[in-house]
Amino acid sequence: MTFGTKLQKLRNEKRMSQKEISGILEVSQTIYGKWESDRFYPTYKNLKKIAAFYMIDVELLTEDQINLSLEKSTDSFKNMSVSKSSETILKLLKKIEKAVSLIREQTEIVQKEKDD
């Protein structure tokens, strides 16, 4: 449930209008409406006022919003495609890794010959 949906549900449970609630919270009805429609998000100061009015913790108001933000971030990360330059860099790193491996092998052979 989004913050706006939760806010609207709480307001409806109190059987109050946006105008009444916005007056109590000392914000315009337009702003309050934008909170309920998830177009704007209140400041922490206003979140504290809202939580106090409804007698709930700020965390309960924002909990789903935080989870939703984390899910969106994770989804965005999963959907990122590897760019051409990233592919080129990965190919070069693999070549370097092979070269370093060959050098190590040669060094070990030379070292063994010296030891013998």
C-alpha atoms as a PDB file:
ATOM      1  CA  MET A   1       0.000   0.000   0.000  1.00  0.00           C
ATOM      2  CA  THR A   2       1.442   3.372  -0.979  1.00  0.00           C
ATOM      3  CA  PHE A   3       1.741   6.266   1.429  1.00  0.00           C
ATOM      4  CA  GLY A   4      -1.094   8.118  -0.331  1.00  0.00           C
ATOM      5  CA  THR A   5      -3.435   5.142  -0.175  1.00  0.00           C
ATOM      6  CA  LYS A   6      -2.658   4.667   3.493  1.00  0.00           C
ATOM      7  CA  LEU A   7      -3.248   8.366   4.172  1.00  0.00           C
ATOM      8  CA  GLN A   8      -6.584   8.295   2.357  1.00  0.00           C
ATOM      9  CA  LYS A   9      -7.650   5.182   4.276  1.00  0.00           C
ATOM     10  CA  LEU A  10      -6.793   6.794   7.616  1.00  0.00           C
ATOM     11  CA  ARG A  11      -8.722   9.938   6.679  1.00  0.00           C
ATOM     12  CA  ASN A  12     -11.761   7.934   5.585  1.00  0.00           C
ATOM     13  CA  GLU A  13     -11.703   5.986   8.855  1.00  0.00           C
ATOM     14  CA  LYS A  14     -11.990   9.337  10.673  1.00  0.00           C
ATOM     15  CA  ARG A  15     -14.814  10.315   8.274  1.00  0.00           C
ATOM     16  CA  MET A  16     -13.175  13.641   7.560  1.00  0.00           C
ATOM     17  CA  SER A  17     -12.644  15.604   4.366  1.00  0.00           C
ATOM     18  CA  GLN A  18      -9.301  16.595   2.903  1.00  0.00           C
ATOM     19  CA  LYS A  19     -10.174  20.180   3.726  1.00  0.00           C
ATOM     20  CA  GLU A  20     -10.717  19.367   7.412  1.00  0.00           C
ATOM     21  CA  ILE A  21      -7.498  17.374   7.733  1.00  0.00           C
ATOM     22  CA  SER A  22      -5.434  19.902   5.795  1.00  0.00           C
ATOM     23  CA  GLY A  23      -6.696  22.647   8.162  1.00  0.00           C
ATOM     24  CA  ILE A  24      -5.642  20.634  11.202  1.00  0.00           C
ATOM     25  CA  LEU A  25      -2.222  19.886   9.673  1.00  0.00           C
ATOM     26  CA  GLU A  26      -1.834  23.521   8.561  1.00  0.00           C
ATOM     27  CA  VAL A  27      -1.246  22.719   4.891  1.00  0.00           C
ATOM     28  CA  SER A  28      -3.307  23.579   1.833  1.00  0.00           C
ATOM     29  CA  GLN A  29      -5.965  21.153   0.663  1.00  0.00           C
ATOM     30  CA  THR A  30      -4.156  20.968  -2.677  1.00  0.00           C
ATOM     31  CA  ILE A  31      -0.951  19.782  -1.015  1.00  0.00           C
ATOM     32  CA  TYR A  32      -2.816  17.275   1.127  1.00  0.00           C
ATOM     33  CA  GLY A  33      -4.580  15.964  -1.983  1.00  0.00           C
ATOM     34  CA  LYS A  34      -1.244  15.521  -3.733  1.00  0.00           C
ATOM     35  CA  TRP A  35      -0.014  13.482  -0.754  1.00  0.00           C
ATOM     36  CA  GLU A  36      -3.022  11.189  -1.052  1.00  0.00           C
ATOM     37  CA  SER A  37      -2.512  10.800  -4.789  1.00  0.00           C
ATOM     38  CA  ASP A  38       1.226  10.087  -4.292  1.00  0.00           C
ATOM     39  CA  ARG A  39       2.226  13.079  -6.422  1.00  0.00           C
ATOM     40  CA  PHE A  40       4.074  14.706  -3.509  1.00  0.00           C
ATOM     41  CA  TYR A  41       5.527  13.357  -0.304  1.00  0.00           C
ATOM     42  CA  PRO A  42       5.360  15.345   2.959  1.00  0.00           C
ATOM     43  CA  THR A  43       8.403  16.647   4.793  1.00  0.00           C
ATOM     44  CA  TYR A  44       9.472  14.852   7.934  1.00  0.00           C
ATOM     45  CA  LYS A  45       7.951  17.668   9.978  1.00  0.00           C
ATOM     46  CA  ASN A  46       4.595  17.086   8.287  1.00  0.00           C
ATOM     47  CA  LEU A  47       4.959  13.317   8.617  1.00  0.00           C
ATOM     48  CA  LYS A  48       5.305  13.817  12.372  1.00  0.00           C
ATOM     49  CA  LYS A  49       2.148  15.977  12.400  1.00  0.00           C
ATOM     50  CA  ILE A  50       0.222  13.350  10.434  1.00  0.00           C
ATOM     51  CA  ALA A  51       1.421  10.539  12.702  1.00  0.00           C
ATOM     52  CA  ALA A  52       0.513  12.533  15.804  1.00  0.00           C
ATOM     53  CA  PHE A  53      -2.960  13.317  14.452  1.00  0.00           C
ATOM     54  CA  TYR A  54      -3.678   9.673  13.669  1.00  0.00           C
ATOM     55  CA  MET A  55      -1.832   8.525  16.815  1.00  0.00           C
ATOM     56  CA  ILE A  56       0.497   6.163  14.960  1.00  0.00           C
ATOM     57  CA  ASP A  57       4.264   5.944  14.477  1.00  0.00           C
ATOM     58  CA  VAL A  58       5.882   7.672  11.512  1.00  0.00           C
ATOM     59  CA  GLU A  59       7.417   4.315  10.598  1.00  0.00           C
ATOM     60  CA  LEU A  60       3.951   2.791  10.180  1.00  0.00           C
ATOM     61  CA  LEU A  61       3.038   5.579   7.775  1.00  0.00           C
ATOM     62  CA  THR A  62       6.156   5.202   5.667  1.00  0.00           C
ATOM     63  CA  GLU A  63       6.901   1.478   5.987  1.00  0.00           C
ATOM     64  CA  ASP A  64       5.319   0.351   2.711  1.00  0.00           C
ATOM     65  CA  GLN A  65       6.745   3.373   0.876  1.00  0.00           C
ATOM     66  CA  ILE A  66      10.261   2.434   1.983  1.00  0.00           C
ATOM     67  CA  ASN A  67       9.729  -1.179   0.871  1.00  0.00           C
ATOM     68  CA  LEU A  68       8.309   0.004  -2.462  1.00  0.00           C
ATOM     69  CA  SER A  69      11.363   2.231  -3.025  1.00  0.00           C
ATOM     70  CA  LEU A  70      13.698  -0.671  -2.291  1.00  0.00           C
ATOM     71  CA  GLU A  71      11.790  -2.928  -4.694  1.00  0.00           C
ATOM     72  CA  LYS A  72      11.969  -0.309  -7.459  1.00  0.00           C
ATOM     73  CA  SER A  73      15.713   0.107  -6.912  1.00  0.00           C
ATOM     74  CA  THR A  74      16.254  -3.646  -7.055  1.00  0.00           C
ATOM     75  CA  ASP A  75      14.125  -3.976 -10.192  1.00  0.00           C
ATOM     76  CA  SER A  76      16.021  -1.134 -11.871  1.00  0.00           C
ATOM     77  CA  PHE A  77      19.319  -2.818 -11.066  1.00  0.00           C
ATOM     78  CA  LYS A  78      18.100  -6.160 -12.444  1.00  0.00           C
ATOM     79  CA  ASN A  79      16.886  -4.523 -15.653  1.00  0.00           C
ATOM     80  CA  MET A  80      20.140  -2.690 -16.363  1.00  0.00           C
ATOM     81  CA  SER A  81      21.792  -3.887 -19.541  1.00  0.00           C
ATOM     82  CA  VAL A  82      25.511  -4.146 -19.942  1.00  0.00           C
ATOM     83  CA  SER A  83      26.696  -1.429 -22.284  1.00  0.00           C
ATOM     84  CA  LYS A  84      29.114  -1.993 -25.157  1.00  0.00           C
ATOM     85  CA  SER A  85      31.922  -0.299 -23.260  1.00  0.00           C
ATOM     86  CA  SER A  86      31.305  -2.563 -20.266  1.00  0.00           C
ATOM     87  CA  GLU A  87      31.450  -5.608 -22.522  1.00  0.00           C
ATOM     88  CA  THR A  88      34.739  -4.388 -24.006  1.00  0.00           C
ATOM     89  CA  ILE A  89      36.201  -3.822 -20.547  1.00  0.00           C
ATOM     90  CA  LEU A  90      35.155  -7.308 -19.427  1.00  0.00           C
ATOM     91  CA  LYS A  91      36.783  -8.857 -22.518  1.00  0.00           C
ATOM     92  CA  LEU A  92      40.006  -6.940 -21.868  1.00  0.00           C
ATOM     93  CA  LEU A  93      40.029  -8.013 -18.218  1.00  0.00           C
ATOM     94  CA  LYS A  94      39.683 -11.653 -19.256  1.00  0.00           C
ATOM     95  CA  LYS A  95      42.625 -11.255 -21.679  1.00  0.00           C
ATOM     96  CA  ILE A  96      44.710  -9.637 -18.941  1.00  0.00           C
ATOM     97  CA  GLU A  97      43.800 -12.433 -16.562  1.00  0.00           C
ATOM     98  CA  LYS A  98      44.963 -15.026 -19.134  1.00  0.00           C
ATOM     99  CA  ALA A  99      48.206 -13.113 -19.731  1.00  0.00           C
ATOM    100  CA  VAL A 100      48.926 -12.904 -16.001  1.00  0.00           C
ATOM    101  CA  SER A 101      48.258 -16.623 -15.689  1.00  0.00           C
ATOM    102  CA  LEU A 102      50.711 -17.400 -18.507  1.00  0.00           C
ATOM    103  CA  ILE A 103      53.355 -15.141 -16.962  1.00  0.00           C
ATOM    104  CA  ARG A 104      52.933 -16.894 -13.604  1.00  0.00           C
ATOM    105  CA  GLU A 105      53.329 -20.297 -15.272  1.00  0.00           C
ATOM    106  CA  GLN A 106      56.474 -19.163 -17.100  1.00  0.00           C
ATOM    107  CA  THR A 107      57.880 -17.667 -13.912  1.00  0.00           C
ATOM    108  CA  GLU A 108      57.285 -20.908 -12.039  1.00  0.00           C
ATOM    109  CA  ILE A 109      59.027 -22.903 -14.812  1.00  0.00           C
ATOM    110  CA  VAL A 110      62.027 -20.549 -14.753  1.00  0.00           C
ATOM    111  CA  GLN A 111      62.159 -20.667 -10.951  1.00  0.00           C
ATOM    112  CA  LYS A 112      62.076 -24.485 -10.952  1.00  0.00           C
ATOM    113  CA  GLU A 113      64.909 -24.590 -13.527  1.00  0.00           C
ATOM    114  CA  LYS A 114      66.991 -22.286 -11.301  1.00  0.00           C
ATOM    115  CA  ASP A 115      66.306 -24.415  -8.257  1.00  0.00           C
ATOM    116  CA  ASP A 116      67.315 -27.626 -10.107  1.00  0.00           C
END
